[in-house]
């Protein structure tokens, strides 16, 4: 009985802290998360239709509102793209539109022609952005929703805790915004496992839930995470179905992760090369592929590299054990690969 009372008290504390923190900040562009997913948002402003400045990533936990841009809005065009954290199991979720702009993994700021085609440089890749209908107001708040919609930010926060508990292997029910005994008990158990003090707030709770889930949840495809203290440049090689291709470079900031492939891993053999900016190899192997100093995509990437103007480097084989997804940890003491 005491354990259950403690679990329900933990849920009550969660709600109380949420009510104190979910008010939109007084700033120019506020983003509110009324979903059960931790979101990472990139925002863009298009200056006179000629130049786009894109910034990311703003982290928004369920039930929270965050100021993504602090400057007062003008009558320029503002756009946004958000994607779910890789800590969540199942397929990745995205909120955006059909306006293609370039982004990078990790914290970034990019200025690019608004009508630019392709994103060849320094690990950038395109994502679909949606226009924010600010109606010319100097301050604006927009809300991300899911289907079926959650009734309130408070319900989103409770649903988000439940989803993350489930991502961490706890047995909870359907992902809803209503408190229940199973979720309360799981939350109390997690707080005890993490040795949280009684006054530990939502920032600490969501941070721990996300970090622990990322340790064992691998999204579909291939993800590389940088556990080192300096940026890494990553290239990917693939063989199979008569092809031997290589492409790179992804720039992976310290503590960040980059999705090298977003579709489920197939029967192709995959290889990886990770280097520091000064060319020192952090992860490599005996499989030789052609590479280039700048961003590259080489369809026939094995053999006669020098004669075609390329360099050559040894890539390490990736063993995903037949899983649909894998996470590679680079430059640190973490396990080399995790599968899903």
Protein backbone atom coordinates (compact mmCIF):
# COMPACT_ATOMS: atom_id res chain seq x y z
CA UNK A 1 0.00 0.00 0.00
CA UNK A 2 2.84 2.38 0.83
CA UNK A 3 4.54 1.65 -2.49
CA UNK A 4 1.35 2.41 -4.40
CA UNK A 5 0.79 5.62 -2.45
CA UNK A 6 4.36 6.65 -3.28
CA UNK A 7 3.80 5.89 -6.96
CA UNK A 8 0.66 7.98 -7.12
CA UNK A 9 2.43 10.76 -5.23
CA UNK A 10 5.17 10.69 -7.88
CA UNK A 11 2.50 11.20 -10.57
CA UNK A 12 1.00 14.07 -8.58
CA UNK A 13 4.41 15.75 -8.28
CA UNK A 14 4.89 15.32 -12.01
CA UNK A 15 1.58 17.11 -12.72
CA UNK A 16 2.35 19.92 -10.26
CA UNK A 17 5.78 20.60 -11.76
CA UNK A 18 4.26 20.48 -15.25
CA UNK A 19 1.69 23.12 -14.40
CA UNK A 20 4.47 25.43 -13.25
CA UNK A 21 6.60 24.94 -16.38
CA UNK A 22 4.30 24.56 -19.39
CA UNK A 23 3.40 28.22 -19.82
CA UNK A 24 4.71 29.57 -23.14
CA UNK A 25 7.81 31.72 -22.72
CA UNK A 26 7.51 35.41 -23.54
CA UNK A 27 9.56 35.38 -26.72
CA UNK A 28 9.11 35.58 -30.45
CA UNK A 29 8.51 32.02 -31.68
CA UNK A 30 7.39 29.50 -29.08
CA UNK A 31 6.97 25.80 -29.86
CA UNK A 32 4.69 23.69 -27.65
CA UNK A 33 4.79 19.89 -27.58
CA UNK A 34 1.34 18.34 -27.13
CA UNK A 35 2.58 14.88 -28.15
CA UNK A 36 3.92 11.90 -26.23
CA UNK A 37 7.34 12.14 -27.95
CA UNK A 38 10.43 14.14 -27.09
CA UNK A 39 10.86 16.38 -30.12
CA UNK A 40 13.84 18.12 -31.66
CA UNK A 41 12.86 21.12 -33.79
CA UNK A 42 14.70 23.12 -36.44
CA UNK A 43 13.46 26.57 -37.44
CA UNK A 44 14.15 28.69 -40.50
CA UNK A 45 13.56 32.26 -41.60
CA UNK A 46 13.52 33.22 -45.29
CA UNK A 47 14.72 36.75 -45.94
CA UNK A 48 12.91 38.28 -48.88
CA UNK A 49 12.59 34.93 -50.64
CA UNK A 50 16.31 34.76 -51.46
CA UNK A 51 18.14 33.49 -48.38
CA UNK A 52 17.18 31.00 -45.67
CA UNK A 53 18.80 30.82 -42.23
CA UNK A 54 18.16 27.47 -40.54
CA UNK A 55 18.92 26.68 -36.88
CA UNK A 56 18.57 23.51 -34.83
CA UNK A 57 17.95 21.61 -32.75
CA UNK A 58 15.58 22.82 -30.03
CA UNK A 59 14.65 20.03 -27.60
CA UNK A 60 11.02 20.04 -26.44
CA UNK A 61 9.80 17.42 -23.98
CA UNK A 62 6.11 16.43 -23.90
CA UNK A 63 3.96 19.07 -22.26
CA UNK A 64 6.59 21.80 -22.58
CA UNK A 65 6.75 25.10 -24.47
CA UNK A 66 10.16 26.41 -25.54
CA UNK A 67 11.30 29.63 -27.20
CA UNK A 68 12.88 28.45 -30.47
CA UNK A 69 13.68 31.99 -31.69
CA UNK A 70 14.14 34.92 -29.35
CA UNK A 71 14.01 37.77 -31.84
CA UNK A 72 10.75 39.56 -32.48
CA UNK A 73 9.06 38.20 -35.58
CA UNK A 74 8.64 40.34 -38.67
CA UNK A 75 6.69 39.74 -41.87
CA UNK A 76 9.35 37.38 -43.16
CA UNK A 77 8.56 33.70 -43.75
CA UNK A 78 9.17 31.35 -40.80
CA UNK A 79 9.31 27.58 -41.13
CA UNK A 80 9.69 24.60 -38.81
CA UNK A 81 10.52 20.90 -38.87
CA UNK A 82 10.42 18.61 -35.83
CA UNK A 83 11.38 14.98 -35.41
CA UNK A 84 11.07 12.50 -32.57
CA UNK A 85 14.03 11.54 -30.41
CA UNK A 86 15.92 8.41 -31.43
CA UNK A 87 15.31 7.23 -27.85
CA UNK A 88 11.79 6.20 -28.86
CA UNK A 89 11.19 2.69 -30.13
CA UNK A 90 9.27 2.10 -33.34
CA UNK A 91 9.32 4.23 -36.49
CA UNK A 92 10.61 7.80 -36.31
CA UNK A 93 7.98 10.55 -36.36
CA UNK A 94 8.33 13.90 -38.11
CA UNK A 95 6.31 17.12 -38.26
CA UNK A 96 6.98 19.32 -41.29
CA UNK A 97 5.94 20.14 -44.83
CA UNK A 98 7.20 20.10 -48.41
CA UNK A 99 9.58 23.08 -48.32
CA UNK A 100 13.04 21.45 -48.60
CA UNK A 101 15.83 23.03 -46.53
CA UNK A 102 19.22 21.73 -45.43
CA UNK A 103 20.00 20.73 -41.85
CA UNK A 104 22.75 18.95 -39.93
CA UNK A 105 22.75 16.62 -36.96
CA UNK A 106 23.84 18.24 -33.70
CA UNK A 107 23.57 21.95 -32.97
CA UNK A 108 23.90 23.95 -36.19
CA UNK A 109 23.20 27.19 -38.00
CA UNK A 110 23.14 27.22 -41.82
CA UNK A 111 22.58 30.03 -44.29
CA UNK A 112 21.61 28.87 -47.77
CA UNK A 113 19.84 30.10 -50.91
CA UNK A 114 16.11 29.61 -50.36
CA UNK A 115 15.81 27.75 -53.67
CA UNK A 116 18.98 25.67 -53.23
CA UNK A 117 18.92 22.17 -54.72
CA UNK A 118 20.84 19.55 -52.77
CA UNK A 119 22.89 19.72 -49.57
CA UNK A 120 26.31 18.40 -50.51
CA UNK A 121 28.53 20.12 -47.97
CA UNK A 122 29.74 19.09 -44.52
CA UNK A 123 27.16 16.48 -43.54
CA UNK A 124 24.08 18.52 -44.43
CA UNK A 125 20.91 16.83 -45.69
CA UNK A 126 17.42 18.02 -46.73
CA UNK A 127 14.25 17.84 -44.64
CA UNK A 128 10.73 19.07 -45.33
CA UNK A 129 9.74 22.25 -43.46
CA UNK A 130 6.27 23.69 -42.93
CA UNK A 131 5.46 27.40 -43.02
CA UNK A 132 4.39 28.87 -39.65
CA UNK A 133 1.34 31.07 -40.15
CA UNK A 134 2.43 33.93 -37.86
CA UNK A 135 -0.15 36.33 -39.36
CA UNK A 136 2.42 39.13 -39.15
CA UNK A 137 2.44 39.09 -35.33
CA UNK A 138 5.69 39.87 -33.46
CA UNK A 139 5.16 36.90 -31.12
CA UNK A 140 3.66 33.54 -32.02
CA UNK A 141 3.10 30.16 -30.41
CA UNK A 142 2.54 26.98 -32.41
CA UNK A 143 1.74 23.53 -31.05
CA UNK A 144 2.79 20.10 -32.29
CA UNK A 145 0.01 17.50 -32.03
CA UNK A 146 -0.31 13.79 -32.66
CA UNK A 147 -3.17 11.56 -33.76
CA UNK A 148 -5.32 10.90 -31.85
CA UNK A 149 -4.83 14.29 -30.24
CA UNK A 150 -4.11 14.68 -26.54
CA UNK A 151 -6.44 17.07 -24.73
CA UNK A 152 -3.84 19.25 -23.01
CA UNK A 153 -0.17 19.83 -22.35
CA UNK A 154 -0.65 18.13 -18.99
CA UNK A 155 -1.98 15.00 -20.68
CA UNK A 156 0.89 15.13 -23.16
CA UNK A 157 3.40 15.12 -20.34
CA UNK A 158 1.83 12.11 -18.64
CA UNK A 159 1.63 10.30 -21.99
CA UNK A 160 5.26 11.19 -22.67
CA UNK A 161 6.41 9.72 -19.37
CA UNK A 162 4.43 6.57 -20.11
CA UNK A 163 5.96 6.25 -23.59
CA UNK A 164 9.50 6.69 -22.25
CA UNK A 165 8.88 4.19 -19.45
CA UNK A 166 7.75 1.73 -22.11
CA UNK A 167 10.86 2.55 -24.19
CA UNK A 168 12.88 1.64 -21.08
CA UNK A 169 11.23 -1.78 -20.81
CA UNK A 170 8.61 -1.07 -18.14
CA UNK A 171 5.19 -2.67 -18.54
CA UNK A 172 2.65 0.11 -18.88
CA UNK A 173 -0.65 0.32 -20.68
CA UNK A 174 -1.77 2.29 -23.72
CA UNK A 175 -0.05 5.64 -24.32
CA UNK A 176 -2.68 8.00 -22.94
CA UNK A 177 -2.60 11.10 -20.78
CA UNK A 178 -4.55 9.62 -17.88
CA UNK A 179 -2.73 8.55 -14.68
CA UNK A 180 -3.00 4.91 -13.65
CA UNK A 181 -1.51 2.59 -11.03
CA UNK A 182 0.83 0.72 -13.38
CA UNK A 183 2.42 3.90 -14.71
CA UNK A 184 2.68 5.39 -11.22
CA UNK A 185 4.40 2.26 -9.92
CA UNK A 186 6.80 2.15 -12.89
CA UNK A 187 7.64 5.83 -12.44
CA UNK A 188 8.34 5.34 -8.74
CA UNK A 189 10.54 2.34 -9.54
CA UNK A 190 12.50 4.32 -12.14
CA UNK A 191 13.05 7.22 -9.74
CA UNK A 192 14.29 4.78 -7.10
CA UNK A 193 16.61 3.07 -9.61
CA UNK A 194 18.08 6.45 -10.57
CA UNK A 195 18.33 7.43 -6.88
CA UNK A 196 16.50 10.68 -7.51
CA UNK A 197 15.96 12.97 -4.51
CA UNK A 198 12.29 13.70 -3.70
CA UNK A 199 12.52 17.17 -5.25
CA UNK A 200 14.00 16.03 -8.59
CA UNK A 201 12.10 17.91 -11.30
CA UNK A 202 10.85 17.12 -14.77
CA UNK A 203 14.06 18.19 -16.54
CA UNK A 204 16.01 15.55 -14.65
CA UNK A 205 13.29 12.92 -15.10
CA UNK A 206 12.91 13.35 -18.87
CA UNK A 207 16.67 13.63 -19.31
CA UNK A 208 17.26 10.34 -17.50
CA UNK A 209 14.41 8.53 -19.25
CA UNK A 210 15.68 9.65 -22.67
CA UNK A 211 19.32 8.84 -21.93
CA UNK A 212 18.54 5.36 -20.60
CA UNK A 213 16.24 4.58 -23.56
CA UNK A 214 18.92 5.66 -26.03
CA UNK A 215 21.25 3.08 -24.51
CA UNK A 216 19.22 0.14 -25.82
CA UNK A 217 16.73 1.42 -28.41
CA UNK A 218 18.03 1.37 -31.98
CA UNK A 219 15.85 3.07 -34.61
CA UNK A 220 15.46 1.41 -38.00
CA UNK A 221 18.44 1.96 -40.25
CA UNK A 222 21.92 2.95 -39.11
CA UNK A 223 22.76 5.64 -36.56
CA UNK A 224 26.23 6.83 -35.52
CA UNK A 225 26.69 8.54 -32.14
CA UNK A 226 29.78 10.53 -31.19
CA UNK A 227 30.92 9.78 -27.64
CA UNK A 228 34.16 11.76 -28.09
CA UNK A 229 34.80 15.39 -27.15
CA UNK A 230 35.49 16.61 -30.70
CA UNK A 231 33.50 16.42 -33.97
CA UNK A 232 33.87 13.30 -36.11
CA UNK A 233 33.56 12.88 -39.88
CA UNK A 234 31.79 9.65 -40.84
CA UNK A 235 31.51 7.82 -44.17
CA UNK A 236 29.47 4.75 -45.08
CA UNK A 237 30.28 1.94 -47.51
CA UNK A 238 27.82 -0.67 -48.86
CA UNK A 239 28.22 -3.79 -50.98
CA UNK A 240 25.53 -6.07 -52.35
CA UNK A 241 23.19 -6.47 -55.32
CA UNK A 242 26.11 -5.84 -57.66
CA UNK A 243 27.08 -2.48 -56.21
CA UNK A 244 30.00 -1.24 -54.13
CA UNK A 245 29.13 2.30 -53.10
CA UNK A 246 30.47 4.81 -50.60
CA UNK A 247 29.25 8.18 -49.41
CA UNK A 248 30.20 10.78 -46.82
CA UNK A 249 30.93 12.91 -44.98
CA UNK A 250 28.50 13.25 -42.09
CA UNK A 251 29.72 15.65 -39.42
CA UNK A 252 28.70 14.29 -36.01
CA UNK A 253 29.06 16.78 -33.18
CA UNK A 254 30.19 15.64 -29.70
CA UNK A 255 27.28 14.02 -27.87
CA UNK A 256 25.13 14.00 -31.02
CA UNK A 257 23.93 11.21 -33.32
CA UNK A 258 23.56 11.14 -37.11
CA UNK A 259 21.21 8.91 -39.10
CA UNK A 260 23.39 7.42 -41.84
CA UNK A 261 20.51 5.34 -43.19
CA UNK A 262 16.85 5.75 -42.25
CA UNK A 263 15.36 2.67 -43.92
CA UNK A 264 15.62 -0.77 -42.27
CA UNK A 265 18.91 -2.56 -42.77
CA UNK A 266 18.73 -5.10 -45.58
CA UNK A 267 21.03 -7.89 -46.73
CA UNK A 268 23.68 -5.44 -47.96
CA UNK A 269 27.02 -5.57 -46.19
CA UNK A 270 27.76 -2.22 -44.57
CA UNK A 271 31.06 -0.62 -43.60
CA UNK A 272 31.98 2.52 -41.69
CA UNK A 273 34.89 4.95 -41.48
CA UNK A 274 35.14 7.63 -38.77
CA UNK A 275 37.88 10.25 -38.68
CA UNK A 276 38.74 13.40 -36.79
CA UNK A 277 38.85 16.67 -38.72
CA UNK A 278 42.63 16.33 -39.10
CA UNK A 279 42.29 12.90 -40.72
CA UNK A 280 43.07 10.58 -37.81
CA UNK A 281 41.05 7.35 -38.00
CA UNK A 282 38.78 6.67 -35.02
CA UNK A 283 37.10 3.62 -36.55
CA UNK A 284 38.20 1.82 -39.68
CA UNK A 285 39.08 -1.61 -41.00
CA UNK A 286 40.37 -3.68 -43.90
CA UNK A 287 37.63 -3.14 -46.49
CA UNK A 288 38.95 -0.54 -48.91
CA UNK A 289 36.66 2.09 -50.46
CA UNK A 290 37.33 5.22 -52.48
CA UNK A 291 36.77 8.49 -50.62
CA UNK A 292 37.15 12.22 -51.29
CA UNK A 293 38.14 15.16 -49.12
CA UNK A 294 34.83 16.97 -49.67
CA UNK A 295 31.31 15.54 -49.56
CA UNK A 296 31.09 12.56 -51.90
CA UNK A 297 28.84 9.82 -53.23
CA UNK A 298 30.63 7.22 -55.35
CA UNK A 299 28.57 4.50 -57.01
CA UNK A 300 31.56 2.33 -57.98
CA UNK A 301 33.79 2.87 -54.94
CA UNK A 302 36.14 -0.14 -54.98
CA UNK A 303 39.36 -0.29 -56.99
CA UNK A 304 41.37 2.15 -59.14
CA UNK A 305 40.68 5.00 -56.70
CA UNK A 306 43.84 6.99 -57.40
CA UNK A 307 43.44 6.73 -61.16
CA UNK A 308 39.99 8.33 -60.85
CA UNK A 309 41.11 11.17 -58.59
CA UNK A 310 39.98 9.68 -55.28
CA UNK A 311 41.82 8.72 -52.11
CA UNK A 312 41.37 5.26 -50.55
CA UNK A 313 40.69 4.24 -46.94
CA UNK A 314 39.89 1.14 -44.94
CA UNK A 315 36.36 0.80 -43.57
CA UNK A 316 35.23 -1.38 -40.64
CA UNK A 317 32.54 -4.00 -41.22
CA UNK A 318 29.27 -3.46 -39.35
CA UNK A 319 27.62 -6.54 -37.87
CA UNK A 320 23.95 -5.73 -37.18
CA UNK A 321 23.17 -9.43 -36.50
CA UNK A 322 20.26 -9.31 -38.93
CA UNK A 323 18.49 -6.53 -37.03
CA UNK A 324 16.49 -3.79 -38.76
CA UNK A 325 18.41 -1.07 -36.95
CA UNK A 326 21.72 -0.49 -35.22
CA UNK A 327 23.42 2.30 -33.27
CA UNK A 328 27.20 2.67 -33.48
CA UNK A 329 29.00 4.50 -30.68
CA UNK A 330 32.24 6.13 -31.80
CA UNK A 331 35.16 7.69 -30.01
CA UNK A 332 34.31 6.60 -26.49
CA UNK A 333 34.13 3.64 -24.18
CA UNK A 334 30.51 2.76 -25.00
CA UNK A 335 29.65 -0.54 -26.71
CA UNK A 336 30.53 -0.57 -30.41
CA UNK A 337 27.01 -1.39 -31.64
CA UNK A 338 23.51 -1.86 -30.36
CA UNK A 339 20.82 -3.57 -32.37
CA UNK A 340 17.06 -3.63 -32.63
